[in-house]
Amino acid sequence: MNDQQLLRYSRHILLDEIGIEGQSKLLTAKALIIGAGGLGSPAAFYLTSAGVGHITLVDHDQVDLTNLQRQILHTEQRIGSNKADSAKLTLEQLNTGIQINALCERADADRLQQLISAADVVLDCSDNFATRHAVNRACVMHRVPLVSGASIGFDGQCSVFDHRKEDAPCYACIFPPEMHFEEAHCSTMGVFAPLVGIIGTMQAAEALKLLMGIGVSLAGRLLLLDARNMEWHSIQAARNPHCTVCGDLAAV
């Protein structure tokens, strides 16, 4: 770590739990963020400012005027641009000392396997169950910890699925892919702008803790936020031995 980095990250280094060792871990870490929208924006901002050395953002969508109410990585001047490219432009202005890769694509299952196998942590900031399940399956396969977030209306949720632990649940243990969950979209349901900031920032915090190996993660817990009343609820989540994702893979 050079003198400029020591100064830049000094407020982290001053924390006994982090220090130079923890910050050095961040500088060599590889984070994969799926989605550069409402959740991905604050998550990417904090991973970038904290000095995560390699950040890859994946998003096939384009910036739309309706996104600007909550997707703080983007600007009016970038309407019509790809979100991953727009995010990279913003983040490179924040920290030139790290590597940011923008992938303007919809990652299918095979592509996710490739991307996740090279990551130290994955942040699922997508907005649909199909993507979440595909990301989860790849994370289970490669034993990469997953930080999952979701938000709609005034309701948000966040959890960690640490696939390095044999007894930890995966996303499918809580939301089985064979069960039908009604898909809710911001375009029809709406979303409270600061809510995605709260959940996305929590995802960043959990990812940083995992990368540095500090604190206690949300693995085994699902945090639910009712932003109308600013009330949090914590639900214990156990691994399902009959899970069609981690159960099948554990038996292999």
Protein backbone atom coordinates (compact mmCIF):
# COMPACT_ATOMS: atom_id res chain seq x y z
CA MET A 1 0.00 0.00 0.00
CA ASN A 2 1.52 3.34 -1.07
CA ASP A 3 1.41 6.66 0.80
CA GLN A 4 -1.58 7.94 -1.17
CA GLN A 5 -3.58 4.82 -0.38
CA LEU A 6 -2.61 5.01 3.29
CA LEU A 7 -4.00 8.55 3.38
CA ARG A 8 -7.07 7.86 1.27
CA TYR A 9 -8.17 4.87 3.35
CA SER A 10 -6.89 6.17 6.68
CA ARG A 11 -10.35 6.25 8.29
CA HIS A 12 -10.68 2.54 7.61
CA ILE A 13 -7.15 1.82 8.75
CA LEU A 14 -7.83 3.59 12.06
CA LEU A 15 -10.48 0.97 12.87
CA ASP A 16 -8.93 -1.86 14.90
CA GLU A 17 -11.12 -4.42 13.11
CA ILE A 18 -9.79 -3.33 9.71
CA GLY A 19 -6.34 -1.79 9.90
CA ILE A 20 -3.80 -2.08 7.10
CA GLU A 21 -4.40 -5.81 6.77
CA GLY A 22 -8.13 -5.45 6.17
CA GLN A 23 -7.73 -2.59 3.73
CA SER A 24 -5.09 -4.55 1.84
CA LYS A 25 -7.59 -7.40 1.46
CA LEU A 26 -10.07 -4.98 -0.13
CA LEU A 27 -7.50 -3.65 -2.57
CA THR A 28 -6.88 -7.14 -3.96
CA ALA A 29 -10.51 -8.31 -3.82
CA LYS A 30 -12.83 -8.99 -6.75
CA ALA A 31 -16.51 -8.05 -6.45
CA LEU A 32 -19.24 -8.81 -8.97
CA ILE A 33 -22.37 -6.63 -8.97
CA ILE A 34 -25.38 -7.87 -10.91
CA GLY A 35 -27.46 -4.81 -11.79
CA ALA A 36 -26.47 -1.14 -11.93
CA GLY A 37 -29.86 0.27 -10.95
CA GLY A 38 -31.46 1.25 -7.66
CA LEU A 39 -29.63 -1.24 -5.44
CA GLY A 40 -26.48 -1.48 -7.52
CA SER A 41 -25.94 2.28 -7.43
CA PRO A 42 -25.28 2.74 -3.69
CA ALA A 43 -23.63 -0.67 -3.44
CA ALA A 44 -21.16 0.20 -6.21
CA PHE A 45 -20.52 3.67 -4.79
CA TYR A 46 -19.44 2.30 -1.43
CA LEU A 47 -17.39 -0.61 -2.77
CA THR A 48 -15.59 1.89 -5.00
CA SER A 49 -14.99 4.46 -2.29
CA ALA A 50 -13.86 1.73 0.12
CA GLY A 51 -11.20 0.59 -2.34
CA VAL A 52 -12.33 -2.82 -3.56
CA GLY A 53 -9.64 -3.39 -6.17
CA HIS A 54 -11.65 -5.07 -8.94
CA ILE A 55 -15.34 -4.38 -9.47
CA THR A 56 -17.37 -5.84 -12.33
CA LEU A 57 -20.82 -4.45 -13.09
CA VAL A 58 -23.27 -6.36 -15.27
CA ASP A 59 -26.37 -4.71 -16.72
CA HIS A 60 -27.94 -4.93 -20.17
CA ASP A 61 -30.46 -2.11 -19.64
CA GLN A 62 -30.34 1.53 -20.70
CA VAL A 63 -30.73 4.62 -18.53
CA ASP A 64 -34.29 5.94 -18.62
CA LEU A 65 -35.71 9.19 -17.22
CA THR A 66 -37.81 7.23 -14.72
CA ASN A 67 -34.62 5.65 -13.29
CA LEU A 68 -33.21 8.97 -12.08
CA GLN A 69 -35.61 9.17 -9.12
CA ARG A 70 -33.49 6.53 -7.33
CA GLN A 71 -30.62 5.21 -9.48
CA ILE A 72 -27.98 7.66 -8.31
CA LEU A 73 -25.12 6.42 -10.51
CA HIS A 74 -26.75 7.96 -13.57
CA THR A 75 -27.42 11.48 -14.89
CA GLU A 76 -29.81 13.20 -17.28
CA GLN A 77 -26.99 13.49 -19.82
CA ARG A 78 -26.70 9.68 -19.94
CA ILE A 79 -30.31 8.86 -20.72
CA GLY A 80 -30.21 6.22 -23.45
CA SER A 81 -26.74 5.00 -22.44
CA ASN A 82 -26.10 1.54 -21.10
CA LYS A 83 -26.30 1.46 -17.30
CA ALA A 84 -23.05 -0.45 -16.84
CA ASP A 85 -21.16 2.08 -19.00
CA SER A 86 -22.81 4.99 -17.19
CA ALA A 87 -21.93 3.47 -13.82
CA LYS A 88 -18.30 3.04 -14.83
CA LEU A 89 -18.02 6.70 -15.84
CA THR A 90 -19.33 7.83 -12.46
CA LEU A 91 -17.25 5.42 -10.40
CA GLU A 92 -14.01 6.19 -12.23
CA GLN A 93 -14.43 9.81 -11.21
CA LEU A 94 -14.70 8.68 -7.60
CA ASN A 95 -11.66 6.39 -7.48
CA THR A 96 -9.03 6.06 -10.20
CA GLY A 97 -6.98 3.63 -8.15
CA ILE A 98 -9.15 0.57 -8.76
CA GLN A 99 -10.27 -1.40 -11.81
CA ILE A 100 -13.91 -1.17 -12.88
CA ASN A 101 -15.24 -3.43 -15.63
CA ALA A 102 -18.57 -2.66 -17.30
CA LEU A 103 -20.35 -5.55 -19.00
CA CYS A 104 -23.26 -4.39 -21.13
CA GLU A 105 -25.01 -7.72 -21.36
CA ARG A 106 -27.74 -9.92 -19.95
CA ALA A 107 -25.73 -12.69 -18.32
CA ASP A 108 -27.24 -16.11 -18.92
CA ALA A 109 -26.57 -19.15 -16.73
CA ASP A 110 -23.34 -20.12 -18.51
CA ARG A 111 -22.01 -16.57 -18.40
CA LEU A 112 -22.86 -16.27 -14.71
CA GLN A 113 -20.92 -19.44 -14.02
CA GLN A 114 -17.88 -17.89 -15.68
CA LEU A 115 -18.17 -14.52 -13.95
CA ILE A 116 -18.94 -15.84 -10.49
CA SER A 117 -16.13 -18.39 -10.54
CA ALA A 118 -13.70 -15.43 -10.73
CA ALA A 119 -15.30 -13.37 -7.95
CA ASP A 120 -14.63 -13.20 -4.20
CA VAL A 121 -18.13 -11.90 -3.45
CA VAL A 122 -21.30 -11.38 -5.49
CA LEU A 123 -23.91 -8.69 -4.90
CA ASP A 124 -27.27 -9.52 -6.44
CA CYS A 125 -28.87 -6.17 -7.20
CA SER A 126 -31.21 -7.52 -9.87
CA ASP A 127 -34.97 -7.08 -9.98
CA ASN A 128 -36.39 -10.49 -10.91
CA PHE A 129 -36.56 -14.00 -9.49
CA ALA A 130 -35.15 -15.70 -12.58
CA THR A 131 -31.87 -13.79 -12.32
CA ARG A 132 -31.69 -14.22 -8.55
CA HIS A 133 -32.05 -17.97 -8.84
CA ALA A 134 -29.48 -18.18 -11.64
CA VAL A 135 -27.02 -16.11 -9.59
CA ASN A 136 -27.67 -18.20 -6.50
CA ARG A 137 -27.11 -21.49 -8.31
CA ALA A 138 -23.77 -20.31 -9.70
CA CYS A 139 -22.70 -19.02 -6.27
CA VAL A 140 -23.57 -22.36 -4.68
CA MET A 141 -21.69 -24.22 -7.41
CA HIS A 142 -18.51 -22.18 -6.90
CA ARG A 143 -18.95 -21.59 -3.14
CA VAL A 144 -18.84 -17.82 -3.52
CA PRO A 145 -20.67 -15.76 -0.86
CA LEU A 146 -23.76 -13.95 -2.13
CA VAL A 147 -25.20 -10.70 -0.77
CA SER A 148 -28.83 -10.44 -1.85
CA GLY A 149 -31.09 -7.39 -1.72
CA ALA A 150 -34.58 -6.53 -2.94
CA SER A 151 -36.95 -3.59 -2.65
CA ILE A 152 -40.42 -2.63 -3.87
CA GLY A 153 -42.83 0.01 -2.67
CA PHE A 154 -41.79 0.74 0.92
CA ASP A 155 -40.56 -2.80 1.66
CA GLY A 156 -36.98 -4.00 1.46
CA GLN A 157 -34.97 -7.06 2.39
CA CYS A 158 -31.34 -8.06 2.66
CA SER A 159 -29.48 -11.26 3.47
CA VAL A 160 -26.17 -13.06 2.99
CA PHE A 161 -25.85 -16.57 1.64
CA ASP A 162 -22.35 -17.71 2.53
CA HIS A 163 -21.82 -20.81 0.45
CA ARG A 164 -18.41 -21.42 2.00
CA LYS A 165 -20.25 -22.78 5.05
CA GLU A 166 -21.79 -26.23 4.80
CA ASP A 167 -24.73 -25.42 7.10
CA ALA A 168 -25.59 -22.03 5.58
CA PRO A 169 -28.85 -21.69 3.61
CA CYS A 170 -28.89 -20.55 0.01
CA TYR A 171 -31.40 -18.20 -1.61
CA ALA A 172 -33.44 -21.15 -2.86
CA CYS A 173 -33.82 -22.50 0.69
CA ILE A 174 -35.96 -19.45 1.47
CA PHE A 175 -37.47 -18.83 -1.96
CA PRO A 176 -37.70 -22.27 -3.66
CA PRO A 177 -37.55 -21.96 -7.46
CA GLU A 178 -40.38 -24.48 -7.83
CA MET A 179 -42.75 -22.22 -5.86
CA HIS A 180 -44.57 -19.38 -7.57
CA PHE A 181 -43.84 -15.90 -6.20
CA GLU A 182 -45.67 -12.99 -7.75
CA GLU A 183 -43.20 -10.76 -9.58
CA ALA A 184 -43.48 -7.09 -8.61
CA HIS A 185 -41.95 -4.36 -10.76
CA CYS A 186 -41.13 -0.74 -10.00
CA SER A 187 -42.80 0.30 -13.25
CA THR A 188 -46.19 -0.82 -11.93
CA MET A 189 -45.79 -0.85 -8.14
CA GLY A 190 -43.45 2.09 -7.58
CA VAL A 191 -40.56 2.27 -5.11
CA PHE A 192 -39.64 4.75 -2.36
CA ALA A 193 -36.39 6.35 -3.54
CA PRO A 194 -34.34 6.20 -0.28
CA LEU A 195 -35.34 2.56 0.27
CA VAL A 196 -33.00 1.29 -2.43
CA GLY A 197 -30.26 3.44 -0.92
CA ILE A 198 -30.73 1.83 2.48
CA ILE A 199 -30.78 -1.73 1.16
CA GLY A 200 -27.99 -1.20 -1.38
CA THR A 201 -25.77 0.36 1.27
CA MET A 202 -26.41 -2.61 3.54
CA GLN A 203 -25.35 -4.91 0.72
CA ALA A 204 -22.10 -2.96 0.39
CA ALA A 205 -21.48 -3.20 4.15
CA GLU A 206 -22.05 -6.96 4.18
CA ALA A 207 -19.83 -7.45 1.13
CA LEU A 208 -16.99 -5.44 2.70
CA LYS A 209 -17.26 -7.44 5.94
CA LEU A 210 -17.10 -10.70 4.01
CA LEU A 211 -14.08 -9.59 2.00
CA MET A 212 -12.19 -8.51 5.12
CA GLY A 213 -13.40 -11.36 7.31
CA ILE A 214 -14.69 -9.10 10.08
CA GLY A 215 -17.85 -8.98 12.16
CA VAL A 216 -20.88 -11.25 11.92
CA SER A 217 -22.62 -11.40 8.56
CA LEU A 218 -26.32 -11.75 7.82
CA ALA A 219 -25.82 -15.40 6.85
CA GLY A 220 -28.75 -17.32 8.28
CA ARG A 221 -30.83 -14.19 8.77
CA LEU A 222 -33.22 -12.32 6.50
CA LEU A 223 -33.65 -8.66 7.43
CA LEU A 224 -36.94 -7.06 6.41
CA LEU A 225 -37.52 -3.30 6.40
CA ASP A 226 -40.86 -1.53 6.51
CA ALA A 227 -39.80 1.98 5.50
CA ARG A 228 -43.27 3.43 6.13
CA ASN A 229 -42.74 2.99 9.84
CA MET A 230 -38.95 2.47 9.70
CA GLU A 231 -39.26 -0.88 11.43
CA TRP A 232 -36.85 -3.77 11.01
CA HIS A 233 -37.68 -7.43 11.42
CA SER A 234 -35.16 -10.27 11.49
CA ILE A 235 -36.11 -13.79 10.41
CA GLN A 236 -33.88 -16.78 11.08
CA ALA A 237 -33.21 -18.78 7.92
CA ALA A 238 -32.05 -22.38 8.14
CA ARG A 239 -30.59 -24.52 5.39
CA ASN A 240 -33.15 -26.81 3.79
CA PRO A 241 -31.61 -30.31 3.44
CA HIS A 242 -34.09 -30.99 0.63
CA CYS A 243 -33.30 -27.77 -1.26
CA THR A 244 -33.25 -28.44 -5.00
CA VAL A 245 -30.15 -26.23 -5.36
CA CYS A 246 -27.73 -26.53 -2.43
CA GLY A 247 -29.20 -29.89 -1.34
CA ASP A 248 -28.56 -31.44 -4.74
CA LEU A 249 -25.06 -30.01 -5.00
CA ALA A 250 -24.12 -31.05 -1.47
CA ALA A 251 -25.01 -34.61 -2.36
CA VAL A 252 -22.67 -34.67 -5.34
